[in-house]
C-alpha atoms as a PDB file:
ATOM      1  CA  MET A   1       0.006   0.003  -0.005  1.00  0.00           C
ATOM      2  CA  LYS A   2       1.262   3.426  -0.914  1.00  0.00           C
ATOM      3  CA  LYS A   3      -0.128   6.585   0.634  1.00  0.00           C
ATOM      4  CA  VAL A   4       0.029   9.878  -1.271  1.00  0.00           C
ATOM      5  CA  TRP A   5      -0.705  13.203   0.390  1.00  0.00           C
ATOM      6  CA  LYS A   6      -2.316  15.860  -1.839  1.00  0.00           C
ATOM      7  CA  PRO A   7      -3.350  18.849   0.318  1.00  0.00           C
ATOM      8  CA  PHE A   8      -5.385  20.820  -2.258  1.00  0.00           C
ATOM      9  CA  TRP A   9      -6.777  17.993  -4.394  1.00  0.00           C
ATOM     10  CA  SER A  10     -10.424  18.986  -3.962  1.00  0.00           C
ATOM     11  CA  TYR A  11      -9.925  22.454  -5.437  1.00  0.00           C
ATOM     12  CA  ASP A  12      -9.556  21.027  -8.956  1.00  0.00           C
ATOM     13  CA  VAL A  13     -11.235  17.638  -9.155  1.00  0.00           C
ATOM     14  CA  LYS A  14     -10.743  17.280 -12.916  1.00  0.00           C
ATOM     15  CA  LYS A  15      -7.014  17.552 -12.430  1.00  0.00           C
ATOM     16  CA  THR A  16      -7.183  15.035  -9.609  1.00  0.00           C
ATOM     17  CA  GLU A  17      -9.165  12.643 -11.822  1.00  0.00           C
ATOM     18  CA  ARG A  18      -6.511  12.913 -14.547  1.00  0.00           C
ATOM     19  CA  TRP A  19      -3.838  12.256 -11.901  1.00  0.00           C
ATOM     20  CA  LEU A  20      -5.718   9.158 -10.695  1.00  0.00           C
ATOM     21  CA  GLN A  21      -6.001   7.961 -14.290  1.00  0.00           C
ATOM     22  CA  THR A  22      -2.220   8.390 -14.747  1.00  0.00           C
ATOM     23  CA  ARG A  23      -1.602   6.379 -11.583  1.00  0.00           C
ATOM     24  CA  ALA A  24      -3.854   3.589 -12.939  1.00  0.00           C
ATOM     25  CA  LEU A  25      -1.822   3.559 -16.163  1.00  0.00           C
ATOM     26  CA  GLN A  26       1.303   3.095 -13.995  1.00  0.00           C
ATOM     27  CA  GLY A  27      -0.282   0.019 -12.356  1.00  0.00           C
ATOM     28  CA  GLN A  28      -1.382   1.636  -9.098  1.00  0.00           C
ATOM     29  CA  GLN A  29      -4.984   0.993  -8.190  1.00  0.00           C
ATOM     30  CA  LEU A  30      -6.856   3.402  -5.905  1.00  0.00           C
ATOM     31  CA  VAL A  31      -8.066   1.513  -2.863  1.00  0.00           C
ATOM     32  CA  LYS A  32      -9.163   4.160  -0.367  1.00  0.00           C
ATOM     33  CA  ILE A  33      -9.364   7.898   0.186  1.00  0.00           C
ATOM     34  CA  GLU A  34      -9.038   9.837   3.413  1.00  0.00           C
ATOM     35  CA  PRO A  35     -10.411  13.288   2.543  1.00  0.00           C
ATOM     36  CA  ASN A  36      -9.892  14.800   5.985  1.00  0.00           C
ATOM     37  CA  LEU A  37      -6.203  13.773   5.971  1.00  0.00           C
ATOM     38  CA  ARG A  38      -5.913  14.526   2.223  1.00  0.00           C
ATOM     39  CA  LEU A  39      -4.609  11.007   1.558  1.00  0.00           C
ATOM     40  CA  PHE A  40      -5.011   8.689  -1.388  1.00  0.00           C
ATOM     41  CA  ILE A  41      -4.138   5.053  -0.750  1.00  0.00           C
ATOM     42  CA  PHE A  42      -3.020   2.909  -3.682  1.00  0.00           C
ATOM     43  CA  LYS A  43      -2.265  -0.769  -4.161  1.00  0.00           C
ATOM     44  CA  ALA A  44       0.814  -1.152  -6.317  1.00  0.00           C
ATOM     45  CA  GLY A  45       1.839  -4.035  -8.551  1.00  0.00           C
ATOM     46  CA  ASN A  46      -1.276  -4.248 -10.709  1.00  0.00           C
ATOM     47  CA  ASP A  47      -1.372  -4.373 -14.468  1.00  0.00           C
ATOM     48  CA  PRO A  48      -1.665  -0.939 -16.057  1.00  0.00           C
ATOM     49  CA  GLN A  49      -5.296  -0.161 -16.806  1.00  0.00           C
ATOM     50  CA  LEU A  50      -7.156   2.634 -18.547  1.00  0.00           C
ATOM     51  CA  ILE A  51      -9.692   3.696 -15.941  1.00  0.00           C
ATOM     52  CA  ARG A  52     -11.859   6.824 -16.047  1.00  0.00           C
ATOM     53  CA  TYR A  53     -12.381   8.332 -12.603  1.00  0.00           C
ATOM     54  CA  HIS A  54     -15.062  10.711 -11.423  1.00  0.00           C
ATOM     55  CA  ILE A  55     -14.996  12.360  -8.018  1.00  0.00           C
ATOM     56  CA  ALA A  56     -18.391  13.173  -6.520  1.00  0.00           C
ATOM     57  CA  TYR A  57     -19.329  15.143  -3.438  1.00  0.00           C
ATOM     58  CA  TYR A  58     -22.647  14.903  -1.638  1.00  0.00           C
ATOM     59  CA  LYS A  59     -23.876  17.144   1.158  1.00  0.00           C
ATOM     60  CA  ARG A  60     -25.390  14.134   2.866  1.00  0.00           C
ATOM     61  CA  LYS A  61     -23.738  10.761   2.884  1.00  0.00           C
ATOM     62  CA  PRO A  62     -24.831   8.991  -0.280  1.00  0.00           C
ATOM     63  CA  ASN A  63     -26.550   5.672  -0.204  1.00  0.00           C
ATOM     64  CA  ASP A  64     -24.657   2.594  -1.327  1.00  0.00           C
ATOM     65  CA  GLU A  65     -26.407   2.291  -4.668  1.00  0.00           C
ATOM     66  CA  LEU A  66     -25.620   4.396  -7.736  1.00  0.00           C
ATOM     67  CA  PRO A  67     -28.525   5.480  -9.918  1.00  0.00           C
ATOM     68  CA  LEU A  68     -29.473   2.812 -12.444  1.00  0.00           C
ATOM     69  CA  ALA A  69     -28.538   4.947 -15.464  1.00  0.00           C
ATOM     70  CA  LEU A  70     -24.955   5.340 -14.169  1.00  0.00           C
ATOM     71  CA  GLN A  71     -24.691   1.617 -13.448  1.00  0.00           C
ATOM     72  CA  GLN A  72     -25.935   0.749 -16.945  1.00  0.00           C
ATOM     73  CA  ASN A  73     -23.310   3.055 -18.421  1.00  0.00           C
ATOM     74  CA  GLY A  74     -20.517   1.185 -16.582  1.00  0.00           C
ATOM     75  CA  TRP A  75     -19.903   3.446 -13.564  1.00  0.00           C
ATOM     76  CA  ARG A  76     -19.156   1.710 -10.277  1.00  0.00           C
ATOM     77  CA  LYS A  77     -18.412   3.043  -6.840  1.00  0.00           C
ATOM     78  CA  LEU A  78     -14.703   2.499  -6.161  1.00  0.00           C
ATOM     79  CA  CYS A  79     -14.382   4.028  -2.706  1.00  0.00           C
ATOM     80  CA  GLN A  80     -16.293   6.368  -0.456  1.00  0.00           C
ATOM     81  CA  LYS A  81     -15.419   8.257   2.713  1.00  0.00           C
ATOM     82  CA  GLY A  82     -17.798  10.715   4.314  1.00  0.00           C
ATOM     83  CA  CYS A  83     -19.368  12.922   1.664  1.00  0.00           C
ATOM     84  CA  TRP A  84     -16.712  12.099  -0.980  1.00  0.00           C
ATOM     85  CA  CYS A  85     -17.112   9.293  -3.438  1.00  0.00           C
ATOM     86  CA  VAL A  86     -14.810   8.103  -6.227  1.00  0.00           C
ATOM     87  CA  LEU A  87     -16.450   6.407  -9.201  1.00  0.00           C
ATOM     88  CA  SER A  88     -14.637   4.469 -11.903  1.00  0.00           C
ATOM     89  CA  ASN A  89     -15.408   3.346 -15.415  1.00  0.00           C
ATOM     90  CA  GLN A  90     -13.331   1.291 -17.830  1.00  0.00           C
ATOM     91  CA  LYS A  91     -15.143   2.318 -20.998  1.00  0.00           C
ATOM     92  CA  GLN A  92     -13.606   4.595 -23.610  1.00  0.00           C
ATOM     93  CA  THR A  93     -14.531   8.269 -23.350  1.00  0.00           C
ATOM     94  CA  THR A  94     -16.431   8.099 -26.633  1.00  0.00           C
ATOM     95  CA  ASP A  95     -18.626   5.263 -25.259  1.00  0.00           C
ATOM     96  CA  LEU A  96     -19.599   7.164 -22.130  1.00  0.00           C
ATOM     97  CA  LYS A  97     -23.028   8.721 -22.481  1.00  0.00           C
ATOM     98  CA  ILE A  98     -23.725   9.713 -18.867  1.00  0.00           C
ATOM     99  CA  TYR A  99     -21.530  11.360 -16.247  1.00  0.00           C
ATOM    100  CA  PRO A 100     -22.371  12.084 -12.601  1.00  0.00           C
ATOM    101  CA  VAL A 101     -23.203  15.701 -11.917  1.00  0.00           C
ATOM    102  CA  ARG A 102     -20.795  18.155 -10.201  1.00  0.00           C
ATOM    103  CA  ASN A 103     -23.298  20.615  -8.726  1.00  0.00           C
ATOM    104  CA  GLU A 104     -22.384  19.859  -5.112  1.00  0.00           C
ATOM    105  CA  ILE A 105     -18.649  20.236  -5.748  1.00  0.00           C
ATOM    106  CA  ALA A 106     -19.283  23.592  -7.427  1.00  0.00           C
ATOM    107  CA  LYS A 107     -21.335  24.775  -4.438  1.00  0.00           C
ATOM    108  CA  ARG A 108     -18.736  23.537  -1.965  1.00  0.00           C
ATOM    109  CA  ASN A 109     -15.894  25.236  -3.818  1.00  0.00           C
ATOM    110  CA  ARG A 110     -17.864  28.489  -4.102  1.00  0.00           C
ATOM    111  CA  HIS A 111     -18.434  28.474  -0.332  1.00  0.00           C
ATOM    112  CA  LEU A 112     -14.714  27.798   0.240  1.00  0.00           C
ATOM    113  CA  LEU A 113     -13.839  30.655  -2.108  1.00  0.00           C
ATOM    114  CA  TYR A 114     -16.063  33.038  -0.120  1.00  0.00           C
ATOM    115  CA  PHE A 115     -14.589  31.822   3.168  1.00  0.00           C
ATOM    116  CA  TYR A 116     -10.989  32.302   2.018  1.00  0.00           C
ATOM    117  CA  ALA A 117     -11.811  35.688   0.493  1.00  0.00           C
ATOM    118  CA  ALA A 118     -13.331  36.834   3.798  1.00  0.00           C
ATOM    119  CA  LEU A 119     -10.369  35.470   5.769  1.00  0.00           C
ATOM    120  CA  THR A 120      -7.879  37.185   3.473  1.00  0.00           C
ATOM    121  CA  MET A 121      -9.754  40.493   3.594  1.00  0.00           C
ATOM    122  CA  TYR A 122      -9.931  40.291   7.387  1.00  0.00           C
ATOM    123  CA  LEU A 123      -6.178  39.662   7.667  1.00  0.00           C
ATOM    124  CA  LEU A 124      -5.343  42.432   5.192  1.00  0.00           C
ATOM    125  CA  LEU A 125      -7.620  44.955   6.901  1.00  0.00           C
ATOM    126  CA  THR A 126      -6.304  44.014  10.365  1.00  0.00           C
ATOM    127  CA  THR A 127      -2.739  44.465   9.166  1.00  0.00           C
ATOM    128  CA  LEU A 128      -3.626  47.754   7.506  1.00  0.00           C
ATOM    129  CA  LEU A 129      -5.302  49.005  10.699  1.00  0.00           C
ATOM    130  CA  PHE A 130      -2.253  48.030  12.751  1.00  0.00           C
ATOM    131  CA  LEU A 131       0.082  49.856  10.378  1.00  0.00           C
ATOM    132  CA  LEU A 132      -2.170  52.904  10.254  1.00  0.00           C
ATOM    133  CA  MET A 133      -2.418  53.166  14.052  1.00  0.00           C
ATOM    134  CA  SER A 134       1.329  52.569  14.437  1.00  0.00           C
ATOM    135  CA  GLY A 135       2.022  55.271  11.844  1.00  0.00           C
ATOM    136  CA  ILE A 136      -0.248  57.743  13.642  1.00  0.00           C
ATOM    137  CA  HIS A 137       1.525  57.070  16.948  1.00  0.00           C
ATOM    138  CA  ILE A 138       4.978  57.402  15.452  1.00  0.00           C
ATOM    139  CA  PHE A 139       4.546  60.307  13.022  1.00  0.00           C
ATOM    140  CA  TYR A 140       1.752  62.381  14.552  1.00  0.00           C
ATOM    141  CA  PHE A 141       2.348  61.980  18.284  1.00  0.00           C
ATOM    142  CA  GLY A 142       6.070  61.274  18.093  1.00  0.00           C
ATOM    143  CA  TYR A 143       5.914  58.119  20.156  1.00  0.00           C
ATOM    144  CA  ILE A 144       8.291  55.219  19.796  1.00  0.00           C
ATOM    145  CA  LEU A 145       6.917  51.732  19.361  1.00  0.00           C
ATOM    146  CA  THR A 146       8.579  49.075  21.458  1.00  0.00           C
ATOM    147  CA  PHE A 147       7.912  45.386  21.302  1.00  0.00           C
ATOM    148  CA  THR A 148       8.759  43.021  24.069  1.00  0.00           C
ATOM    149  CA  PRO A 149      10.910  40.124  22.977  1.00  0.00           C
ATOM    150  CA  ILE A 150       8.108  37.662  23.626  1.00  0.00           C
ATOM    151  CA  SER A 151       7.713  34.957  21.031  1.00  0.00           C
ATOM    152  CA  LEU A 152       3.984  35.762  20.869  1.00  0.00           C
ATOM    153  CA  TRP A 153       4.564  38.530  18.277  1.00  0.00           C
ATOM    154  CA  ILE A 154       6.692  36.289  16.123  1.00  0.00           C
ATOM    155  CA  THR A 155       4.178  33.467  16.407  1.00  0.00           C
ATOM    156  CA  LEU A 156       1.255  35.768  15.509  1.00  0.00           C
ATOM    157  CA  LEU A 157       3.153  37.245  12.568  1.00  0.00           C
ATOM    158  CA  MET A 158       4.055  33.807  11.218  1.00  0.00           C
ATOM    159  CA  LEU A 159       0.513  32.520  11.712  1.00  0.00           C
ATOM    160  CA  SER A 160      -1.131  35.495   9.999  1.00  0.00           C
ATOM    161  CA  ASN A 161       1.372  35.367   7.095  1.00  0.00           C
ATOM    162  CA  GLY A 162       0.757  31.650   6.707  1.00  0.00           C
ATOM    163  CA  LEU A 163      -3.014  32.123   6.725  1.00  0.00           C
ATOM    164  CA  LEU A 164      -2.694  34.987   4.258  1.00  0.00           C
ATOM    165  CA  LEU A 165      -0.612  32.868   1.870  1.00  0.00           C
ATOM    166  CA  ILE A 166      -3.002  29.902   2.136  1.00  0.00           C
ATOM    167  CA  GLY A 167      -5.971  32.223   1.661  1.00  0.00           C
ATOM    168  CA  ALA A 168      -4.525  33.934  -1.407  1.00  0.00           C
ATOM    169  CA  PHE A 169      -3.422  30.615  -2.909  1.00  0.00           C
ATOM    170  CA  SER A 170      -6.832  29.046  -2.279  1.00  0.00           C
ATOM    171  CA  ILE A 171      -8.689  32.008  -3.792  1.00  0.00           C
ATOM    172  CA  VAL A 172      -6.651  31.846  -6.992  1.00  0.00           C
ATOM    173  CA  ARG A 173      -6.818  28.037  -7.319  1.00  0.00           C
ATOM    174  CA  LEU A 174     -10.547  27.825  -6.555  1.00  0.00           C
ATOM    175  CA  TYR A 175     -11.391  30.619  -8.977  1.00  0.00           C
ATOM    176  CA  GLN A 176      -9.218  29.287 -11.805  1.00  0.00           C
ATOM    177  CA  SER A 177     -10.365  25.697 -11.583  1.00  0.00           C
ATOM    178  CA  ASN A 178     -14.064  26.358 -10.998  1.00  0.00           C
ATOM    179  CA  LYS A 179     -14.872  29.486 -12.988  1.00  0.00           C
ATOM    180  CA  HIS A 180     -16.645  27.424 -15.692  1.00  0.00           C
ATOM    181  CA  PHE A 181     -19.192  26.336 -13.066  1.00  0.00           C
ATOM    182  CA  TRP A 182     -20.173  29.888 -12.143  1.00  0.00           C
END
């Protein structure tokens, strides 16, 4: 068993599906997903196969049965964890007539985009307010700012910069990969 960590896989599911297909062509079969840990678990040593993958997301846990139309078109449930489900099909792309819908993934990613946009705006405005108030104290009143050498300031600075980078990265990736849904 081989575990692969992909932290931002759910931002662009089409890219993740192509990556899974490449892994299947290399003889690694997807066995399990751990969405909360961002892990994909593969079984190595299989014959290379051309498998079409489709990642689905459901607000509520889906039932065990796929709709009949999907089953008749060759889709089968490969693995499921929580609200995430990975479907597979071994037919050629030209033979596939029906694909599962992506409405729930689009909604989820739109909500994530709004969350990260709000977080980034909050961090930027908080930083701007801090700089503005520090500037007023220094230039208008002539005070001197002093910071105690407590690691709290360094920790807060690193945390806010990390959140700002993750927020900006997430906004760009979510917008780029999902703009055709909006």
